[in-house]
Amino acid sequence: MKFELSHLSDIKKVVPEFLNALGSSKIIAFYGEMGAGKTTFIKGLLDYMAIEDHASSPTFSIVNEYFSTNFGKVYHFDFYRILSEREALDIGVEEFFDDDQAYCFIEWPQKIHNLLPLNTVSVSIEVENEKRIIQLDV
């Protein structure tokens, strides 16, 4: 499934369809260059999920945990700053992924490629002619 965003305000329009396209999948890996819009799109997802906490990038904390009345637990990971998969194991990433009731939104998943569960959904975000192209591979 493919989504085209001309403006940031378009995120609100595509998020419901995006989440619906995931079906029962809850581990989503977001791929894209720096500045492609991964964090911005995830913030749009968190807004739609009615997360009451302030959503921010977990670049320094590696993971932020949120709760949604309608969607349950949501973990937002940013592995940009880790140097090895060992670091991810040290924070207990496998335990987060084993929680089949929680959504896991993962930025920079290529840093932990060997740790991603088989049921991980890949999402690529690219910039083309000032538009964001979001490709969901379910």
Protein backbone atom coordinates (compact mmCIF):
# COMPACT_ATOMS: atom_id res chain seq x y z
CA MET A 1 0.00 0.00 0.00
CA LYS A 2 1.28 3.45 -0.90
CA PHE A 3 0.41 6.89 0.45
CA GLU A 4 1.46 10.28 -0.95
CA LEU A 5 1.62 13.28 1.34
CA SER A 6 1.88 16.72 -0.20
CA HIS A 7 1.70 18.50 3.16
CA LEU A 8 2.19 17.56 6.81
CA SER A 9 -1.53 18.14 7.35
CA ASP A 10 -2.15 15.13 5.08
CA ILE A 11 -0.89 12.82 7.83
CA LYS A 12 -4.24 13.11 9.63
CA LYS A 13 -6.02 11.96 6.48
CA VAL A 14 -3.95 8.81 5.89
CA VAL A 15 -3.35 7.57 9.45
CA PRO A 16 -6.72 5.77 9.84
CA GLU A 17 -6.22 3.92 6.54
CA PHE A 18 -2.59 3.20 7.43
CA LEU A 19 -3.53 1.63 10.78
CA ASN A 20 -6.35 -0.32 9.15
CA ALA A 21 -3.91 -1.69 6.56
CA LEU A 22 -1.75 -3.09 9.38
CA GLY A 23 -4.49 -5.51 10.34
CA SER A 24 -3.31 -7.34 13.44
CA SER A 25 0.36 -6.42 12.89
CA LYS A 26 1.76 -4.29 15.68
CA ILE A 27 5.50 -4.18 15.05
CA ILE A 28 6.24 -1.55 12.44
CA ALA A 29 9.73 -0.67 11.22
CA PHE A 30 10.10 2.76 9.61
CA TYR A 31 12.92 3.14 7.07
CA GLY A 32 14.00 6.42 5.57
CA GLU A 33 16.83 8.90 5.38
CA MET A 34 17.39 11.53 8.04
CA GLY A 35 14.67 14.15 7.62
CA ALA A 36 12.35 11.92 5.57
CA GLY A 37 9.57 12.29 8.13
CA LYS A 38 9.66 9.11 10.21
CA THR A 39 9.27 10.86 13.56
CA THR A 40 6.65 13.26 12.19
CA PHE A 41 4.57 10.41 10.79
CA ILE A 42 4.84 8.45 14.06
CA LYS A 43 3.73 11.56 15.97
CA GLY A 44 0.71 11.65 13.65
CA LEU A 45 -0.02 8.02 14.54
CA LEU A 46 0.30 8.81 18.25
CA ASP A 47 -2.01 11.81 17.91
CA TYR A 48 -4.63 9.67 16.16
CA MET A 49 -4.28 7.03 18.87
CA ALA A 50 -5.11 9.74 21.42
CA ILE A 51 -1.85 9.48 23.33
CA GLU A 52 -2.16 11.97 26.15
CA ASP A 53 1.54 12.23 26.94
CA HIS A 54 3.73 14.60 24.97
CA ALA A 55 5.07 12.58 22.05
CA SER A 56 8.73 13.20 21.37
CA SER A 57 11.52 11.41 19.58
CA PRO A 58 13.25 8.88 21.82
CA THR A 59 16.64 9.56 20.19
CA PHE A 60 18.41 9.81 23.53
CA SER A 61 16.24 7.51 25.64
CA ILE A 62 15.98 4.90 22.81
CA VAL A 63 12.37 4.06 23.74
CA ASN A 64 9.33 6.02 24.87
CA GLU A 65 6.31 4.22 26.28
CA TYR A 66 2.80 5.58 25.84
CA PHE A 67 -0.71 4.42 26.60
CA SER A 68 -3.86 4.86 24.53
CA THR A 69 -7.31 4.09 25.88
CA ASN A 70 -8.31 2.73 22.45
CA PHE A 71 -5.06 1.09 21.33
CA GLY A 72 -3.29 0.06 24.55
CA LYS A 73 0.46 0.26 25.04
CA VAL A 74 2.59 1.88 22.36
CA TYR A 75 6.38 1.84 22.27
CA HIS A 76 8.31 4.27 20.08
CA PHE A 77 11.92 3.24 19.47
CA ASP A 78 14.71 5.26 17.88
CA PHE A 79 17.86 3.19 17.36
CA TYR A 80 19.80 5.92 15.54
CA ARG A 81 22.38 6.32 18.31
CA ILE A 82 23.02 2.67 19.18
CA LEU A 83 26.31 1.20 18.07
CA SER A 84 25.43 -2.49 18.17
CA GLU A 85 22.54 -4.90 18.48
CA ARG A 86 23.96 -5.78 21.89
CA GLU A 87 22.89 -2.35 23.16
CA ALA A 88 19.32 -3.07 22.05
CA LEU A 89 19.43 -6.44 23.80
CA ASP A 90 20.71 -4.72 26.94
CA ILE A 91 17.60 -2.52 27.11
CA GLY A 92 15.41 -5.62 26.73
CA VAL A 93 14.13 -4.96 23.23
CA GLU A 94 13.06 -8.58 22.79
CA GLU A 95 10.71 -8.28 25.77
CA PHE A 96 9.06 -5.25 24.19
CA PHE A 97 8.64 -7.13 20.91
CA ASP A 98 7.19 -10.17 22.74
CA ASP A 99 4.34 -8.05 24.13
CA ASP A 100 1.77 -8.94 21.48
CA GLN A 101 -0.71 -6.45 22.96
CA ALA A 102 1.56 -3.45 22.34
CA TYR A 103 2.33 -1.47 19.20
CA CYS A 104 6.03 -0.98 18.49
CA PHE A 105 6.99 1.86 16.14
CA ILE A 106 10.68 1.54 15.27
CA GLU A 107 12.92 4.19 13.73
CA TRP A 108 16.30 3.14 12.31
CA PRO A 109 15.40 -0.59 12.39
CA GLN A 110 18.37 -1.42 10.16
CA LYS A 111 20.53 -1.00 13.28
CA ILE A 112 18.81 -4.04 14.86
CA HIS A 113 17.92 -5.98 11.73
CA ASN A 114 18.72 -9.40 13.21
CA LEU A 115 16.52 -8.74 16.25
CA LEU A 116 13.35 -7.82 14.36
CA PRO A 117 10.58 -10.41 14.64
CA LEU A 118 9.44 -12.14 11.45
CA ASN A 119 6.04 -10.46 11.66
CA THR A 120 7.54 -6.95 11.45
CA VAL A 121 5.85 -4.69 8.89
CA SER A 122 8.26 -2.53 6.88
CA VAL A 123 7.39 1.05 6.02
CA SER A 124 9.61 3.18 3.83
CA ILE A 125 9.33 6.95 3.75
CA GLU A 126 10.97 8.79 0.88
CA VAL A 127 10.95 12.37 -0.32
CA GLU A 128 10.13 12.86 -4.00
CA ASN A 129 9.53 16.34 -5.43
CA GLU A 130 8.81 17.69 -1.93
CA LYS A 131 6.17 15.00 -1.35
CA ARG A 132 6.46 12.21 1.18
CA ILE A 133 5.92 8.75 -0.28
CA ILE A 134 5.00 6.19 2.36
CA GLN A 135 5.19 2.58 1.21
CA LEU A 136 3.70 -0.04 3.50
CA ASP A 137 4.75 -3.65 2.90
CA VAL A 138 2.31 -5.90 4.75
